[in-house]
Amino acid sequence: MPLFPDERSVRTTPEGLLWEPSERWVRGRKGDVTVVDSRHPVLVWEPDLPVPCYAFPRAEVRTDLLRPAKDPRPGSHTGSQIFYDLQADGQVVENAAWTFPAADLADHIAFEWFHRWGSGLDHWYEEEEEIFVHPRDPHKRVDALPSSRHVRVEIGGTVVADSHRPVLLFETGLPTRYYLPREDVRLDLFEPTDHRTGCPYKGRAQYWTWRGAGEVPRNILWCYAEPLPAVAPVKGLLAFYNEAVDLTVDGERLQRPVTPFTASLRA
């Protein structure tokens, strides 16, 4: 007998989409208007995107708020030709929703997430917890573990952090991140910026930029002041992009990894 019944497995469509039913209660709002209220969402992975989106049964979507898109964007999603503008809370959001051409998903509608693309619905919730940027991938883990490793961080030969009490954050598909107490970081060598990001696994982050010389990317240092409960150990700690600093852990100099962030850090 399989560990999971077939209806819980990831399925593939001829168009190259992967999809999987979810048991989470998902709601999406535009302003004060609840547009999606679904207890039968489906997670969909598109071939060229590393993170999933949700698609919802039409019966669990306020389809009365959707209009055929005036300026549809064929090609922006895998084979999709049908797009909708959303009219809610006194606003019109162009191409806020679409349908996938796959027969398996013919009766489902997907939505953009505002904090990812700058359009779509404003707020999303899984159960009672607000989720940012994109849905969480059920096949991905994020673990924050306190450690006694010796972590030293250098920029251009200058030691900017030295700690024996890091929290190591292990996230599937990304290099280990080393979160360090503020007392162990030369924060006087950095200045805060207005840059902010959101993560569905960790919460909202604030950033600092290197004050010194050299070609060092901006916003190289960050902190989650109020992280999500699952990664509570990193609260208030500081982390650097491994891709752009020199990290030595327990006396071993680590190679700079190549990740999805590498290109943006060089920009």
Foldseek 3Di string as FASTA:
>chain_A
DDPDDPLQDWDAFPLGKIKGWDQWFKWFAAVPDIFFTARTWMWIDAPVDPGTFIKGAPVRGPCVQWDFAPDDDQPPGRRWDTFTWGCPPNDIFGRQKTFDPTPVGRRIITGDACQAPVTHTDWMDGHNDTFPRHDDDPVKDKAKAWAQKWKWWAAPRHTFFTGRTWIWIDIPQDDIWTWAAPVRGNCVQWAWDPDWHAHRQWGIKTFIAGNDDDLFFGRQKIADCPTDPRNVVRHRTMTGQLQGIWMAINNRIDDRDDHPCNVVRND
